[in-house]
Amino acid sequence: MFPMSMTVTTKDTTALSDAELAEMADLCVDREPNFDIGYLSKEKENWVLVTQCREGNKLRGYSFCTLERIGGTPSLLIGLLLVDRNAKADQTLKTILHDQFRRALLAFPDEDVLLGSRLTSADGFRAFAGLEDVVPRLGYKPTGEDRAWGRRLAKRFGSEKSIDDKTFVMTVTPGPVGGLDYTTSKGPIPEGAETFFKGVKSAKGQRVVVFGWAMAEALSSGKLPK
């Protein structure tokens, strides 16, 4: 028997059915971050696009995102991304991101695009593999502009006042709280990524805001994600 390949679709969130929302909720019905159907219904209103990744008929991951300009800067904002915790988690993540980067290229041709999200764990840094000037990163002291970007993203994610712009830790309670929920099955994560999550309580609504730049050349060559 041949292994089933991954398929990906992206559409407007307004086209999501209740049955699809229930299927999405089932992926984490018995674990954090507990994105239940009620919460996903609310997030449906906050984001423009939804990407779903399937292996055969089985949903393996999904994401809510939007492509917009923040202060004129082309941005791909991932409000929520969840990957099923199995042996193909890395493939699922890459499949979702590949489609979103493809759409970023169509929306912002010949421009560098900022990718921003909130991470629940260090594993989420895999989403930023191949990007430039990722913040935060090991051995780098964020500039005033970096901290300003952290605040801009926190505002877009719901509350500018909820972020510590020195640690990039955003605290929102009560939950559930959106973000990128992914546990690596095999892929490496950047050196020192764990340090940014020391003391971070993801189950209590804490997330680390992370952003980086997808360069125009990388987008146009189709080399993202790595």
C-alpha atoms as a PDB file:
ATOM      1  CA  MET A   1       0.000   0.000   0.000  1.00  0.00           C
ATOM      2  CA  PHE A   2       1.390   3.380  -1.008  1.00  0.00           C
ATOM      3  CA  PRO A   3       1.569   6.081   1.702  1.00  0.00           C
ATOM      4  CA  MET A   4      -1.020   8.826   1.384  1.00  0.00           C
ATOM      5  CA  SER A   5       0.259  12.217   0.312  1.00  0.00           C
ATOM      6  CA  MET A   6      -0.563  15.514   1.977  1.00  0.00           C
ATOM      7  CA  THR A   7      -3.037  17.836   0.314  1.00  0.00           C
ATOM      8  CA  VAL A   8      -3.613  21.454   1.261  1.00  0.00           C
ATOM      9  CA  THR A   9      -6.448  23.900   0.655  1.00  0.00           C
ATOM     10  CA  THR A  10      -6.826  27.551   1.600  1.00  0.00           C
ATOM     11  CA  LYS A  11     -10.079  29.495   1.493  1.00  0.00           C
ATOM     12  CA  ASP A  12     -11.866  32.421   3.116  1.00  0.00           C
ATOM     13  CA  THR A  13     -12.779  31.741   6.737  1.00  0.00           C
ATOM     14  CA  THR A  14     -16.353  32.743   5.911  1.00  0.00           C
ATOM     15  CA  ALA A  15     -16.639  29.519   3.899  1.00  0.00           C
ATOM     16  CA  LEU A  16     -15.917  27.298   6.926  1.00  0.00           C
ATOM     17  CA  SER A  17     -18.781  24.992   7.840  1.00  0.00           C
ATOM     18  CA  ASP A  18     -19.758  23.916  11.345  1.00  0.00           C
ATOM     19  CA  ALA A  19     -18.690  20.369  10.458  1.00  0.00           C
ATOM     20  CA  GLU A  20     -15.210  21.599   9.519  1.00  0.00           C
ATOM     21  CA  LEU A  21     -14.927  23.591  12.756  1.00  0.00           C
ATOM     22  CA  ALA A  22     -15.882  20.478  14.736  1.00  0.00           C
ATOM     23  CA  GLU A  23     -13.251  18.443  12.873  1.00  0.00           C
ATOM     24  CA  MET A  24     -10.636  21.114  13.625  1.00  0.00           C
ATOM     25  CA  ALA A  25     -11.576  21.162  17.303  1.00  0.00           C
ATOM     26  CA  ASP A  26     -11.220  17.370  17.486  1.00  0.00           C
ATOM     27  CA  LEU A  27      -7.465  17.630  16.814  1.00  0.00           C
ATOM     28  CA  CYS A  28      -6.866  18.951  20.336  1.00  0.00           C
ATOM     29  CA  VAL A  29     -10.045  17.944  22.137  1.00  0.00           C
ATOM     30  CA  ASP A  30      -8.082  16.103  24.843  1.00  0.00           C
ATOM     31  CA  ARG A  31      -5.028  18.340  25.210  1.00  0.00           C
ATOM     32  CA  GLU A  32      -3.752  21.888  25.325  1.00  0.00           C
ATOM     33  CA  PRO A  33      -4.333  24.354  23.771  1.00  0.00           C
ATOM     34  CA  ASN A  34      -7.997  23.227  23.803  1.00  0.00           C
ATOM     35  CA  PHE A  35      -9.153  25.056  20.692  1.00  0.00           C
ATOM     36  CA  ASP A  36     -12.804  24.059  20.996  1.00  0.00           C
ATOM     37  CA  ILE A  37     -15.505  24.785  18.421  1.00  0.00           C
ATOM     38  CA  GLY A  38     -16.686  27.874  20.294  1.00  0.00           C
ATOM     39  CA  TYR A  39     -13.216  29.414  20.284  1.00  0.00           C
ATOM     40  CA  LEU A  40     -12.567  28.483  16.653  1.00  0.00           C
ATOM     41  CA  SER A  41     -15.884  30.089  15.678  1.00  0.00           C
ATOM     42  CA  LYS A  42     -14.670  33.360  17.218  1.00  0.00           C
ATOM     43  CA  GLU A  43     -11.271  33.110  15.521  1.00  0.00           C
ATOM     44  CA  LYS A  44     -13.070  32.587  12.229  1.00  0.00           C
ATOM     45  CA  GLU A  45     -14.249  36.196  12.575  1.00  0.00           C
ATOM     46  CA  ASN A  46     -10.759  37.547  13.363  1.00  0.00           C
ATOM     47  CA  TRP A  47      -8.807  36.126  10.419  1.00  0.00           C
ATOM     48  CA  VAL A  48      -9.292  36.178   6.663  1.00  0.00           C
ATOM     49  CA  LEU A  49      -7.918  32.834   5.471  1.00  0.00           C
ATOM     50  CA  VAL A  50      -8.000  29.257   6.720  1.00  0.00           C
ATOM     51  CA  THR A  51      -5.585  26.579   5.523  1.00  0.00           C
ATOM     52  CA  GLN A  52      -6.315  22.898   6.039  1.00  0.00           C
ATOM     53  CA  CYS A  53      -3.860  20.042   5.496  1.00  0.00           C
ATOM     54  CA  ARG A  54      -5.126  16.500   4.989  1.00  0.00           C
ATOM     55  CA  GLU A  55      -3.620  13.070   4.652  1.00  0.00           C
ATOM     56  CA  GLY A  56      -6.247  11.302   2.594  1.00  0.00           C
ATOM     57  CA  ASN A  57      -9.509  12.297   4.285  1.00  0.00           C
ATOM     58  CA  LYS A  58      -7.887  12.833   7.683  1.00  0.00           C
ATOM     59  CA  LEU A  59      -7.299  16.409   8.854  1.00  0.00           C
ATOM     60  CA  ARG A  60      -3.704  16.709  10.077  1.00  0.00           C
ATOM     61  CA  GLY A  61      -3.386  20.428  10.669  1.00  0.00           C
ATOM     62  CA  TYR A  62      -4.906  23.839  10.055  1.00  0.00           C
ATOM     63  CA  SER A  63      -4.169  27.519  10.330  1.00  0.00           C
ATOM     64  CA  PHE A  64      -5.957  30.864  10.459  1.00  0.00           C
ATOM     65  CA  CYS A  65      -3.962  33.684   8.897  1.00  0.00           C
ATOM     66  CA  THR A  66      -4.181  36.977   7.089  1.00  0.00           C
ATOM     67  CA  LEU A  67      -2.094  38.827   4.519  1.00  0.00           C
ATOM     68  CA  GLU A  68      -2.030  42.535   5.246  1.00  0.00           C
ATOM     69  CA  ARG A  69       0.204  45.557   5.471  1.00  0.00           C
ATOM     70  CA  ILE A  70       1.201  46.802   8.897  1.00  0.00           C
ATOM     71  CA  GLY A  71       2.374  50.388   8.558  1.00  0.00           C
ATOM     72  CA  GLY A  72       3.007  49.650   4.891  1.00  0.00           C
ATOM     73  CA  THR A  73       5.018  46.475   5.583  1.00  0.00           C
ATOM     74  CA  PRO A  74       3.816  43.311   3.799  1.00  0.00           C
ATOM     75  CA  SER A  75       2.936  40.818   6.523  1.00  0.00           C
ATOM     76  CA  LEU A  76       1.793  37.229   6.837  1.00  0.00           C
ATOM     77  CA  LEU A  77       0.214  36.934  10.264  1.00  0.00           C
ATOM     78  CA  ILE A  78      -0.576  33.503  11.658  1.00  0.00           C
ATOM     79  CA  GLY A  79      -3.196  33.925  14.328  1.00  0.00           C
ATOM     80  CA  LEU A  80      -3.550  30.240  14.980  1.00  0.00           C
ATOM     81  CA  LEU A  81      -1.859  27.122  13.643  1.00  0.00           C
ATOM     82  CA  LEU A  82      -2.270  23.621  15.019  1.00  0.00           C
ATOM     83  CA  VAL A  83      -0.557  20.427  13.875  1.00  0.00           C
ATOM     84  CA  ASP A  84      -1.590  16.901  14.822  1.00  0.00           C
ATOM     85  CA  ARG A  85       1.048  15.326  17.067  1.00  0.00           C
ATOM     86  CA  ASN A  86       2.204  12.370  15.017  1.00  0.00           C
ATOM     87  CA  ALA A  87       5.198  11.185  12.990  1.00  0.00           C
ATOM     88  CA  LYS A  88       4.298  13.471  10.077  1.00  0.00           C
ATOM     89  CA  ALA A  89       4.030  16.678  12.091  1.00  0.00           C
ATOM     90  CA  ASP A  90       7.000  18.285  10.343  1.00  0.00           C
ATOM     91  CA  GLN A  91       5.606  17.472   6.903  1.00  0.00           C
ATOM     92  CA  THR A  92       2.226  18.877   7.899  1.00  0.00           C
ATOM     93  CA  LEU A  93       3.758  22.140   9.135  1.00  0.00           C
ATOM     94  CA  LYS A  94       5.795  22.566   5.945  1.00  0.00           C
ATOM     95  CA  THR A  95       2.779  21.842   3.747  1.00  0.00           C
ATOM     96  CA  ILE A  96       0.697  24.509   5.484  1.00  0.00           C
ATOM     97  CA  LEU A  97       3.491  27.095   5.422  1.00  0.00           C
ATOM     98  CA  HIS A  98       4.360  26.407   1.800  1.00  0.00           C
ATOM     99  CA  ASP A  99       0.823  27.284   0.742  1.00  0.00           C
ATOM    100  CA  GLN A 100       0.768  30.409   2.899  1.00  0.00           C
ATOM    101  CA  PHE A 101       4.131  31.618   1.576  1.00  0.00           C
ATOM    102  CA  ARG A 102       2.886  30.962  -1.960  1.00  0.00           C
ATOM    103  CA  ARG A 103      -0.082  33.214  -1.292  1.00  0.00           C
ATOM    104  CA  ALA A 104       2.201  35.836   0.263  1.00  0.00           C
ATOM    105  CA  LEU A 105       4.188  35.884  -2.985  1.00  0.00           C
ATOM    106  CA  LEU A 106       1.003  36.413  -4.982  1.00  0.00           C
ATOM    107  CA  ALA A 107      -0.178  39.187  -2.667  1.00  0.00           C
ATOM    108  CA  PHE A 108       3.194  40.953  -2.389  1.00  0.00           C
ATOM    109  CA  PRO A 109       5.275  40.151  -5.506  1.00  0.00           C
ATOM    110  CA  ASP A 110       8.928  41.254  -5.381  1.00  0.00           C
ATOM    111  CA  GLU A 111       8.640  42.329  -1.730  1.00  0.00           C
ATOM    112  CA  ASP A 112      10.089  40.990   1.506  1.00  0.00           C
ATOM    113  CA  VAL A 113       7.338  39.739   3.806  1.00  0.00           C
ATOM    114  CA  LEU A 114       7.280  39.695   7.593  1.00  0.00           C
ATOM    115  CA  LEU A 115       6.012  36.459   9.163  1.00  0.00           C
ATOM    116  CA  GLY A 116       4.634  36.925  12.673  1.00  0.00           C
ATOM    117  CA  SER A 117       3.023  34.524  15.118  1.00  0.00           C
ATOM    118  CA  ARG A 118       2.790  33.489  18.767  1.00  0.00           C
ATOM    119  CA  LEU A 119       4.535  30.285  19.784  1.00  0.00           C
ATOM    120  CA  THR A 120       3.472  27.852  22.494  1.00  0.00           C
ATOM    121  CA  SER A 121       6.885  26.127  22.616  1.00  0.00           C
ATOM    122  CA  ALA A 122      10.407  26.281  21.213  1.00  0.00           C
ATOM    123  CA  ASP A 123       9.436  23.709  18.571  1.00  0.00           C
ATOM    124  CA  GLY A 124       7.419  26.439  16.873  1.00  0.00           C
ATOM    125  CA  PHE A 125      10.655  28.095  15.748  1.00  0.00           C
ATOM    126  CA  ARG A 126      10.666  25.468  12.977  1.00  0.00           C
ATOM    127  CA  ALA A 127       8.126  27.673  11.214  1.00  0.00           C
ATOM    128  CA  PHE A 128      10.816  30.345  10.877  1.00  0.00           C
ATOM    129  CA  ALA A 129      13.486  28.113   9.320  1.00  0.00           C
ATOM    130  CA  GLY A 130      14.987  29.861   6.299  1.00  0.00           C
ATOM    131  CA  LEU A 131      13.806  33.328   7.334  1.00  0.00           C
ATOM    132  CA  GLU A 132      16.113  36.279   7.963  1.00  0.00           C
ATOM    133  CA  ASP A 133      16.548  38.425  11.088  1.00  0.00           C
ATOM    134  CA  VAL A 134      14.286  36.278  13.282  1.00  0.00           C
ATOM    135  CA  VAL A 135      13.443  37.945  16.605  1.00  0.00           C
ATOM    136  CA  PRO A 136      14.059  36.806  19.280  1.00  0.00           C
ATOM    137  CA  ARG A 137      17.155  34.722  18.549  1.00  0.00           C
ATOM    138  CA  LEU A 138      20.151  33.494  20.535  1.00  0.00           C
ATOM    139  CA  GLY A 139      22.942  36.001  21.064  1.00  0.00           C
ATOM    140  CA  TYR A 140      21.016  38.946  19.668  1.00  0.00           C
ATOM    141  CA  LYS A 141      19.886  42.024  21.585  1.00  0.00           C
ATOM    142  CA  PRO A 142      16.639  43.315  20.084  1.00  0.00           C
ATOM    143  CA  THR A 143      16.675  46.927  18.918  1.00  0.00           C
ATOM    144  CA  GLY A 144      14.064  49.548  19.696  1.00  0.00           C
ATOM    145  CA  GLU A 145      12.503  48.854  16.300  1.00  0.00           C
ATOM    146  CA  ASP A 146      12.376  45.120  17.084  1.00  0.00           C
ATOM    147  CA  ARG A 147      10.560  45.839  20.334  1.00  0.00           C
ATOM    148  CA  ALA A 148       8.189  48.148  18.490  1.00  0.00           C
ATOM    149  CA  TRP A 149       7.401  45.310  16.088  1.00  0.00           C
ATOM    150  CA  GLY A 150       6.686  43.070  19.056  1.00  0.00           C
ATOM    151  CA  ARG A 151       4.147  45.600  20.317  1.00  0.00           C
ATOM    152  CA  ARG A 152       2.588  46.041  16.866  1.00  0.00           C
ATOM    153  CA  LEU A 153       2.113  42.302  16.535  1.00  0.00           C
ATOM    154  CA  ALA A 154       0.756  41.958  20.071  1.00  0.00           C
ATOM    155  CA  LYS A 155      -1.784  44.653  19.223  1.00  0.00           C
ATOM    156  CA  ARG A 156      -2.800  42.738  16.107  1.00  0.00           C
ATOM    157  CA  PHE A 157      -3.061  39.573  18.209  1.00  0.00           C
ATOM    158  CA  GLY A 158      -5.411  41.268  20.627  1.00  0.00           C
ATOM    159  CA  SER A 159      -3.595  43.435  23.170  1.00  0.00           C
ATOM    160  CA  GLU A 160      -0.509  45.635  22.844  1.00  0.00           C
ATOM    161  CA  LYS A 161      -0.365  46.005  26.632  1.00  0.00           C
ATOM    162  CA  SER A 162      -0.119  42.246  27.194  1.00  0.00           C
ATOM    163  CA  ILE A 163       3.460  41.912  25.868  1.00  0.00           C
ATOM    164  CA  ASP A 164       6.787  42.352  27.646  1.00  0.00           C
ATOM    165  CA  ASP A 165       8.729  43.968  24.795  1.00  0.00           C
ATOM    166  CA  LYS A 166      12.060  42.842  26.253  1.00  0.00           C
ATOM    167  CA  THR A 167      11.274  39.122  26.469  1.00  0.00           C
ATOM    168  CA  PHE A 168       8.515  39.107  23.801  1.00  0.00           C
ATOM    169  CA  VAL A 169       6.342  37.070  26.167  1.00  0.00           C
ATOM    170  CA  MET A 170       2.655  37.870  25.710  1.00  0.00           C
ATOM    171  CA  THR A 171       0.240  36.956  28.491  1.00  0.00           C
ATOM    172  CA  VAL A 172      -3.483  36.671  27.835  1.00  0.00           C
ATOM    173  CA  THR A 173      -5.923  35.070  30.260  1.00  0.00           C
ATOM    174  CA  PRO A 174      -8.293  33.404  30.504  1.00  0.00           C
ATOM    175  CA  GLY A 175      -7.783  30.927  27.666  1.00  0.00           C
ATOM    176  CA  PRO A 176      -7.856  29.447  25.239  1.00  0.00           C
ATOM    177  CA  VAL A 177      -5.276  31.644  23.543  1.00  0.00           C
ATOM    178  CA  GLY A 178      -4.274  31.453  19.899  1.00  0.00           C
ATOM    179  CA  GLY A 179      -0.817  30.751  18.596  1.00  0.00           C
ATOM    180  CA  LEU A 180       1.293  28.203  16.761  1.00  0.00           C
ATOM    181  CA  ASP A 181       0.991  24.789  18.401  1.00  0.00           C
ATOM    182  CA  TYR A 182       3.464  22.284  16.969  1.00  0.00           C
ATOM    183  CA  THR A 183       5.617  19.524  18.407  1.00  0.00           C
ATOM    184  CA  THR A 184       8.471  18.452  16.162  1.00  0.00           C
ATOM    185  CA  SER A 185       8.656  14.841  15.050  1.00  0.00           C
ATOM    186  CA  LYS A 186      12.185  14.972  13.633  1.00  0.00           C
ATOM    187  CA  GLY A 187      13.256  18.409  12.473  1.00  0.00           C
ATOM    188  CA  PRO A 188      15.864  20.415  14.422  1.00  0.00           C
ATOM    189  CA  ILE A 189      14.986  23.649  16.163  1.00  0.00           C
ATOM    190  CA  PRO A 190      17.341  26.664  16.297  1.00  0.00           C
ATOM    191  CA  GLU A 191      20.075  26.566  18.899  1.00  0.00           C
ATOM    192  CA  GLY A 192      19.013  28.224  22.126  1.00  0.00           C
ATOM    193  CA  ALA A 193      15.334  28.466  21.208  1.00  0.00           C
ATOM    194  CA  GLU A 194      14.405  26.838  24.511  1.00  0.00           C
ATOM    195  CA  THR A 195      15.860  29.760  26.447  1.00  0.00           C
ATOM    196  CA  PHE A 196      13.023  32.035  25.338  1.00  0.00           C
ATOM    197  CA  PHE A 197      10.489  29.708  26.960  1.00  0.00           C
ATOM    198  CA  LYS A 198      12.048  29.423  30.401  1.00  0.00           C
ATOM    199  CA  GLY A 199       9.260  30.184  32.846  1.00  0.00           C
ATOM    200  CA  VAL A 200       6.687  30.542  30.063  1.00  0.00           C
ATOM    201  CA  LYS A 201       3.434  28.839  31.029  1.00  0.00           C
ATOM    202  CA  SER A 202       1.660  28.114  27.753  1.00  0.00           C
ATOM    203  CA  ALA A 203      -1.254  26.448  29.570  1.00  0.00           C
ATOM    204  CA  LYS A 204      -1.793  29.738  31.435  1.00  0.00           C
ATOM    205  CA  GLY A 205      -2.127  31.765  28.250  1.00  0.00           C
ATOM    206  CA  GLN A 206       1.490  32.821  27.792  1.00  0.00           C
ATOM    207  CA  ARG A 207       2.984  32.915  24.305  1.00  0.00           C
ATOM    208  CA  VAL A 208       6.263  34.120  22.804  1.00  0.00           C
ATOM    209  CA  VAL A 209       5.765  36.562  19.925  1.00  0.00           C
ATOM    210  CA  VAL A 210       8.219  35.722  17.136  1.00  0.00           C
ATOM    211  CA  PHE A 211       8.755  37.335  13.741  1.00  0.00           C
ATOM    212  CA  GLY A 212      11.184  37.103  10.856  1.00  0.00           C
ATOM    213  CA  TRP A 213      11.580  38.093   7.224  1.00  0.00           C
ATOM    214  CA  ALA A 214      10.809  35.976   4.189  1.00  0.00           C
ATOM    215  CA  MET A 215      12.989  37.575   1.546  1.00  0.00           C
ATOM    216  CA  ALA A 216      11.565  38.237  -1.903  1.00  0.00           C
ATOM    217  CA  GLU A 217      14.170  36.014  -3.598  1.00  0.00           C
ATOM    218  CA  ALA A 218      13.387  33.065  -1.312  1.00  0.00           C
ATOM    219  CA  LEU A 219       9.658  33.483  -1.875  1.00  0.00           C
ATOM    220  CA  SER A 220       9.959  33.690  -5.643  1.00  0.00           C
ATOM    221  CA  SER A 221      12.256  30.631  -5.796  1.00  0.00           C
ATOM    222  CA  GLY A 222       9.803  28.531  -3.799  1.00  0.00           C
ATOM    223  CA  LYS A 223      12.521  27.596  -1.281  1.00  0.00           C
ATOM    224  CA  LEU A 224      10.400  28.389   1.762  1.00  0.00           C
ATOM    225  CA  PRO A 225       9.776  26.722   4.113  1.00  0.00           C
ATOM    226  CA  LYS A 226      13.033  24.832   4.681  1.00  0.00           C
END
